[in-house]
Amino acid sequence: QVQLVESGGGLVQAGGSLRLSCAASGSIFSVNTMGWYRQAPGKQRELVAAVSSGGTTTYADSVKGRFTISRDNAKNTVYLQMNSLKPEDTAVYYCHAIVATSIIIRNNYWGQGTQVTVSS
C-alpha cells in the first residue's frame, strides 16, 4: 500500500505565504506525476499544479506567478510554495500522485487533505 502524508497548511493573512509538503511512502516502485488539487466549499476539486518525474510543471491560470511546485525524487516528496496568497485560495488542498507499485501496476493516490485559510 501507498500513503501520501501532507503537512504545512494553516491560517495566513492575504499577501502571506505558506509551503505545503507531501511525502509518499510504502510499496513504491516508482512515482510518476505528483501534484496538488484544491476544493473550496461548494466547488469542485480543481488542479492547482503538477510536476512530472522529469520536472515538467503545469499550473492553473489562477496561481501562475504566485505558486511554485517542486519535488525531491530521492524523497518521493512534492512541495507547493504559495506566495501572495488571496482569500480565494482558501480551500482544502489535496496531494495527488501516480505511483507504480510494480513494473505493471500503477494507481492514483490521494492525501488526506490540509486546510489552507487566507484571511482578508
C-alpha atoms as a PDB file:
ATOM      1  CA  GLN A   1       0.000   0.000   0.000  1.00  0.00           C
ATOM      2  CA  VAL A   2       0.998   3.608  -0.576  1.00  0.00           C
ATOM      3  CA  GLN A   3       0.416   6.563   1.738  1.00  0.00           C
ATOM      4  CA  LEU A   4       0.619  10.284   0.990  1.00  0.00           C
ATOM      5  CA  VAL A   5       1.178  12.414   4.073  1.00  0.00           C
ATOM      6  CA  GLU A   6       0.702  16.161   3.785  1.00  0.00           C
ATOM      7  CA  SER A   7       1.819  18.992   6.013  1.00  0.00           C
ATOM      8  CA  GLY A   8       2.075  22.756   6.007  1.00  0.00           C
ATOM      9  CA  GLY A   9      -1.469  24.082   5.831  1.00  0.00           C
ATOM     10  CA  GLY A  10      -2.798  26.763   8.136  1.00  0.00           C
ATOM     11  CA  LEU A  11      -4.175  30.262   8.517  1.00  0.00           C
ATOM     12  CA  VAL A  12      -2.421  33.204   6.881  1.00  0.00           C
ATOM     13  CA  GLN A  13      -3.290  36.781   6.035  1.00  0.00           C
ATOM     14  CA  ALA A  14      -3.761  37.892   2.452  1.00  0.00           C
ATOM     15  CA  GLY A  15      -0.408  38.534   0.835  1.00  0.00           C
ATOM     16  CA  GLY A  16       1.305  35.971   3.003  1.00  0.00           C
ATOM     17  CA  SER A  17       2.995  32.688   2.151  1.00  0.00           C
ATOM     18  CA  LEU A  18       2.678  29.018   3.016  1.00  0.00           C
ATOM     19  CA  ARG A  19       4.581  25.923   1.952  1.00  0.00           C
ATOM     20  CA  LEU A  20       2.867  22.566   1.608  1.00  0.00           C
ATOM     21  CA  SER A  21       4.732  19.271   1.628  1.00  0.00           C
ATOM     22  CA  CYS A  22       3.601  15.778   0.697  1.00  0.00           C
ATOM     23  CA  ALA A  23       5.656  12.629   1.137  1.00  0.00           C
ATOM     24  CA  ALA A  24       4.814   9.326  -0.497  1.00  0.00           C
ATOM     25  CA  SER A  25       5.748   6.134   1.308  1.00  0.00           C
ATOM     26  CA  GLY A  26       5.007   2.418   1.202  1.00  0.00           C
ATOM     27  CA  SER A  27       5.390  -0.182  -1.523  1.00  0.00           C
ATOM     28  CA  ILE A  28       6.713   2.154  -4.191  1.00  0.00           C
ATOM     29  CA  PHE A  29       8.336   1.002  -7.411  1.00  0.00           C
ATOM     30  CA  SER A  30       8.325   4.494  -8.935  1.00  0.00           C
ATOM     31  CA  VAL A  31       6.471   7.776  -8.565  1.00  0.00           C
ATOM     32  CA  ASN A  32       5.243   9.438 -11.721  1.00  0.00           C
ATOM     33  CA  THR A  33       3.315  12.713 -11.739  1.00  0.00           C
ATOM     34  CA  MET A  34       2.800  14.409  -8.386  1.00  0.00           C
ATOM     35  CA  GLY A  35       0.552  17.364  -7.835  1.00  0.00           C
ATOM     36  CA  TRP A  36      -1.793  19.415  -5.735  1.00  0.00           C
ATOM     37  CA  TYR A  37      -5.533  19.853  -6.083  1.00  0.00           C
ATOM     38  CA  ARG A  38      -7.841  22.004  -4.005  1.00  0.00           C
ATOM     39  CA  GLN A  39     -11.500  22.060  -3.151  1.00  0.00           C
ATOM     40  CA  ALA A  40     -13.317  25.052  -1.750  1.00  0.00           C
ATOM     41  CA  PRO A  41     -16.751  24.731  -0.084  1.00  0.00           C
ATOM     42  CA  GLY A  42     -19.456  24.216  -2.691  1.00  0.00           C
ATOM     43  CA  LYS A  43     -16.960  23.882  -5.531  1.00  0.00           C
ATOM     44  CA  GLN A  44     -15.443  21.028  -7.458  1.00  0.00           C
ATOM     45  CA  ARG A  45     -11.939  19.822  -6.812  1.00  0.00           C
ATOM     46  CA  GLU A  46      -9.528  21.528  -9.201  1.00  0.00           C
ATOM     47  CA  LEU A  47      -5.930  21.063 -10.238  1.00  0.00           C
ATOM     48  CA  VAL A  48      -3.594  23.636  -8.750  1.00  0.00           C
ATOM     49  CA  ALA A  49      -0.229  22.411 -10.002  1.00  0.00           C
ATOM     50  CA  ALA A  50       1.508  19.230 -11.065  1.00  0.00           C
ATOM     51  CA  VAL A  51       5.050  18.116 -11.791  1.00  0.00           C
ATOM     52  CA  SER A  52       6.183  15.102 -13.775  1.00  0.00           C
ATOM     53  CA  SER A  53       9.006  12.818 -12.727  1.00  0.00           C
ATOM     54  CA  GLY A  54      11.138  14.651 -15.268  1.00  0.00           C
ATOM     55  CA  GLY A  55      10.339  18.043 -13.806  1.00  0.00           C
ATOM     56  CA  THR A  56       7.770  19.362 -16.276  1.00  0.00           C
ATOM     57  CA  THR A  57       5.310  21.594 -14.433  1.00  0.00           C
ATOM     58  CA  THR A  58       1.683  22.583 -15.014  1.00  0.00           C
ATOM     59  CA  TYR A  59      -0.211  25.340 -13.203  1.00  0.00           C
ATOM     60  CA  ALA A  60      -3.769  26.559 -13.020  1.00  0.00           C
ATOM     61  CA  ASP A  61      -4.053  30.031 -14.536  1.00  0.00           C
ATOM     62  CA  SER A  62      -5.262  31.394 -11.203  1.00  0.00           C
ATOM     63  CA  VAL A  63      -1.972  30.559  -9.446  1.00  0.00           C
ATOM     64  CA  LYS A  64       0.600  31.197 -12.157  1.00  0.00           C
ATOM     65  CA  GLY A  65       3.297  33.548 -10.955  1.00  0.00           C
ATOM     66  CA  ARG A  66       2.328  33.057  -7.295  1.00  0.00           C
ATOM     67  CA  PHE A  67       2.704  29.313  -6.635  1.00  0.00           C
ATOM     68  CA  THR A  68       5.701  27.111  -7.359  1.00  0.00           C
ATOM     69  CA  ILE A  69       5.637  23.328  -7.373  1.00  0.00           C
ATOM     70  CA  SER A  70       8.789  21.268  -6.933  1.00  0.00           C
ATOM     71  CA  ARG A  71       9.753  17.736  -5.997  1.00  0.00           C
ATOM     72  CA  ASP A  72      12.557  15.750  -4.457  1.00  0.00           C
ATOM     73  CA  ASN A  73      12.610  12.428  -6.271  1.00  0.00           C
ATOM     74  CA  ALA A  74      15.021  10.883  -3.777  1.00  0.00           C
ATOM     75  CA  LYS A  75      12.482  11.537  -1.002  1.00  0.00           C
ATOM     76  CA  ASN A  76       9.320  10.952  -3.086  1.00  0.00           C
ATOM     77  CA  THR A  77       8.187  14.340  -1.858  1.00  0.00           C
ATOM     78  CA  VAL A  78       6.391  17.185  -3.578  1.00  0.00           C
ATOM     79  CA  TYR A  79       6.229  20.775  -2.377  1.00  0.00           C
ATOM     80  CA  LEU A  80       3.953  23.702  -3.128  1.00  0.00           C
ATOM     81  CA  GLN A  81       5.300  27.141  -2.303  1.00  0.00           C
ATOM     82  CA  MET A  82       2.379  29.557  -2.182  1.00  0.00           C
ATOM     83  CA  ASN A  83       3.137  33.283  -2.214  1.00  0.00           C
ATOM     84  CA  SER A  84       0.916  36.354  -2.448  1.00  0.00           C
ATOM     85  CA  LEU A  85      -1.985  34.341  -1.118  1.00  0.00           C
ATOM     86  CA  LYS A  86      -5.508  35.603  -1.699  1.00  0.00           C
ATOM     87  CA  PRO A  87      -8.750  34.863   0.159  1.00  0.00           C
ATOM     88  CA  GLU A  88      -9.932  32.947  -2.911  1.00  0.00           C
ATOM     89  CA  ASP A  89      -7.076  30.481  -2.374  1.00  0.00           C
ATOM     90  CA  THR A  90      -8.887  29.269   0.735  1.00  0.00           C
ATOM     91  CA  ALA A  91      -9.613  25.558   0.310  1.00  0.00           C
ATOM     92  CA  VAL A  92      -8.653  22.075   1.370  1.00  0.00           C
ATOM     93  CA  TYR A  93      -5.517  21.165  -0.561  1.00  0.00           C
ATOM     94  CA  TYR A  94      -5.009  17.539  -1.560  1.00  0.00           C
ATOM     95  CA  CYS A  95      -1.798  15.906  -2.643  1.00  0.00           C
ATOM     96  CA  HIS A  96      -2.073  13.519  -5.587  1.00  0.00           C
ATOM     97  CA  ALA A  97       0.421  11.074  -7.021  1.00  0.00           C
ATOM     98  CA  ILE A  98       0.501   8.430  -9.706  1.00  0.00           C
ATOM     99  CA  VAL A  99       2.512   5.627  -8.177  1.00  0.00           C
ATOM    100  CA  ALA A 100       3.706   2.394  -9.670  1.00  0.00           C
ATOM    101  CA  THR A 101       3.853  -0.410  -7.110  1.00  0.00           C
ATOM    102  CA  SER A 102       5.334  -2.793  -9.648  1.00  0.00           C
ATOM    103  CA  ILE A 103       6.546  -2.693 -13.234  1.00  0.00           C
ATOM    104  CA  ILE A 104       2.978  -3.215 -14.461  1.00  0.00           C
ATOM    105  CA  ILE A 105       0.725  -1.807 -11.711  1.00  0.00           C
ATOM    106  CA  ARG A 106       0.085   1.929 -11.451  1.00  0.00           C
ATOM    107  CA  ASN A 107      -2.603   3.710  -9.426  1.00  0.00           C
ATOM    108  CA  ASN A 108      -3.739   7.147  -8.334  1.00  0.00           C
ATOM    109  CA  TYR A 109      -3.275   8.034  -4.667  1.00  0.00           C
ATOM    110  CA  TRP A 110      -4.554  10.950  -2.608  1.00  0.00           C
ATOM    111  CA  GLY A 111      -3.502  12.563   0.630  1.00  0.00           C
ATOM    112  CA  GLN A 112      -5.937  13.258   3.441  1.00  0.00           C
ATOM    113  CA  GLY A 113      -6.103  16.974   2.683  1.00  0.00           C
ATOM    114  CA  THR A 114      -4.792  20.009   4.501  1.00  0.00           C
ATOM    115  CA  GLN A 115      -6.752  23.193   5.148  1.00  0.00           C
ATOM    116  CA  VAL A 116      -5.429  26.500   3.835  1.00  0.00           C
ATOM    117  CA  THR A 117      -7.300  29.579   5.016  1.00  0.00           C
ATOM    118  CA  VAL A 118      -6.416  33.059   3.794  1.00  0.00           C
ATOM    119  CA  SER A 119      -7.963  35.935   5.714  1.00  0.00           C
ATOM    120  CA  SER A 120      -8.610  39.324   4.134  1.00  0.00           C
END
